[in-house]
């Protein structure tokens, strides 16, 4: 367990780990956006397909 209550080195390590985690998250977001932008440029559209079409279905009133 990492005790940061009175140990300055523990607080430093905790801060460094937080900075690394933030950096990794930013890299993941950046990569995801680049891939989605490239897919959109190729004409791909993401998202869930519609469950029903716009035309009336059989059996509806």
C-alpha atoms as a PDB file:
ATOM      1  CA  UNK A   1       0.000   0.000   0.000  1.00  0.00           C
ATOM      2  CA  UNK A   2       1.242   3.513  -0.778  1.00  0.00           C
ATOM      3  CA  UNK A   3       1.187   5.842   2.202  1.00  0.00           C
ATOM      4  CA  UNK A   4       1.085   9.502   1.163  1.00  0.00           C
ATOM      5  CA  UNK A   5       0.077  10.937   4.534  1.00  0.00           C
ATOM      6  CA  UNK A   6       3.529  11.998   5.750  1.00  0.00           C
ATOM      7  CA  UNK A   7       6.039  10.725   3.217  1.00  0.00           C
ATOM      8  CA  UNK A   8       6.991  13.172   0.460  1.00  0.00           C
ATOM      9  CA  UNK A   9       8.386  10.417  -1.755  1.00  0.00           C
ATOM     10  CA  UNK A  10       5.075   8.550  -1.594  1.00  0.00           C
ATOM     11  CA  UNK A  11       3.253  11.702  -2.664  1.00  0.00           C
ATOM     12  CA  UNK A  12       5.724  12.154  -5.532  1.00  0.00           C
ATOM     13  CA  UNK A  13       5.190   8.600  -6.757  1.00  0.00           C
ATOM     14  CA  UNK A  14       1.424   9.031  -6.503  1.00  0.00           C
ATOM     15  CA  UNK A  15       1.617  12.249  -8.554  1.00  0.00           C
ATOM     16  CA  UNK A  16       3.821  10.636 -11.207  1.00  0.00           C
ATOM     17  CA  UNK A  17       1.458   7.657 -11.539  1.00  0.00           C
ATOM     18  CA  UNK A  18      -1.460  10.052 -11.957  1.00  0.00           C
ATOM     19  CA  UNK A  19       0.378  11.990 -14.653  1.00  0.00           C
ATOM     20  CA  UNK A  20       1.233   8.784 -16.525  1.00  0.00           C
ATOM     21  CA  UNK A  21      -2.392   7.612 -16.366  1.00  0.00           C
ATOM     22  CA  UNK A  22      -3.606  10.972 -17.677  1.00  0.00           C
ATOM     23  CA  UNK A  23      -1.092  10.860 -20.533  1.00  0.00           C
ATOM     24  CA  UNK A  24      -2.121   7.323 -21.507  1.00  0.00           C
ATOM     25  CA  UNK A  25      -5.789   8.287 -21.514  1.00  0.00           C
ATOM     26  CA  UNK A  26      -5.076  11.285 -23.744  1.00  0.00           C
ATOM     27  CA  UNK A  27      -3.155   9.063 -26.168  1.00  0.00           C
ATOM     28  CA  UNK A  28      -6.050   6.595 -26.343  1.00  0.00           C
ATOM     29  CA  UNK A  29      -8.571   9.391 -26.999  1.00  0.00           C
ATOM     30  CA  UNK A  30      -6.320  10.906 -29.679  1.00  0.00           C
ATOM     31  CA  UNK A  31      -5.878   7.549 -31.427  1.00  0.00           C
ATOM     32  CA  UNK A  32      -9.599   6.811 -31.309  1.00  0.00           C
ATOM     33  CA  UNK A  33     -10.447  10.190 -32.831  1.00  0.00           C
ATOM     34  CA  UNK A  34      -7.883   9.701 -35.618  1.00  0.00           C
ATOM     35  CA  UNK A  35      -9.298   6.297 -36.507  1.00  0.00           C
ATOM     36  CA  UNK A  36     -12.890   7.557 -36.486  1.00  0.00           C
ATOM     37  CA  UNK A  37     -11.970  10.570 -38.636  1.00  0.00           C
ATOM     38  CA  UNK A  38     -10.204   8.294 -41.133  1.00  0.00           C
ATOM     39  CA  UNK A  39     -13.246   6.009 -41.267  1.00  0.00           C
ATOM     40  CA  UNK A  40     -15.561   8.974 -41.869  1.00  0.00           C
ATOM     41  CA  UNK A  41     -13.275  10.150 -44.679  1.00  0.00           C
ATOM     42  CA  UNK A  42     -13.740   6.733 -46.300  1.00  0.00           C
ATOM     43  CA  UNK A  43     -17.516   7.106 -46.027  1.00  0.00           C
ATOM     44  CA  UNK A  44     -18.075   4.871 -43.031  1.00  0.00           C
ATOM     45  CA  UNK A  45     -20.692   5.941 -40.536  1.00  0.00           C
ATOM     46  CA  UNK A  46     -20.594   4.505 -37.054  1.00  0.00           C
ATOM     47  CA  UNK A  47     -23.315   3.915 -34.549  1.00  0.00           C
ATOM     48  CA  UNK A  48     -26.032   1.433 -33.958  1.00  0.00           C
ATOM     49  CA  UNK A  49     -28.285   0.639 -36.936  1.00  0.00           C
ATOM     50  CA  UNK A  50     -31.912   1.688 -36.676  1.00  0.00           C
ATOM     51  CA  UNK A  51     -34.186  -1.040 -35.358  1.00  0.00           C
ATOM     52  CA  UNK A  52     -37.141  -0.018 -37.513  1.00  0.00           C
ATOM     53  CA  UNK A  53     -37.350   1.644 -40.880  1.00  0.00           C
ATOM     54  CA  UNK A  54     -39.205   4.907 -41.424  1.00  0.00           C
ATOM     55  CA  UNK A  55     -41.970   3.173 -43.426  1.00  0.00           C
ATOM     56  CA  UNK A  56     -45.022   1.875 -41.558  1.00  0.00           C
ATOM     57  CA  UNK A  57     -44.703  -1.692 -40.370  1.00  0.00           C
ATOM     58  CA  UNK A  58     -47.308  -4.392 -40.817  1.00  0.00           C
ATOM     59  CA  UNK A  59     -49.833  -4.681 -38.051  1.00  0.00           C
ATOM     60  CA  UNK A  60     -49.492  -1.118 -36.824  1.00  0.00           C
ATOM     61  CA  UNK A  61     -52.663   0.907 -36.395  1.00  0.00           C
END
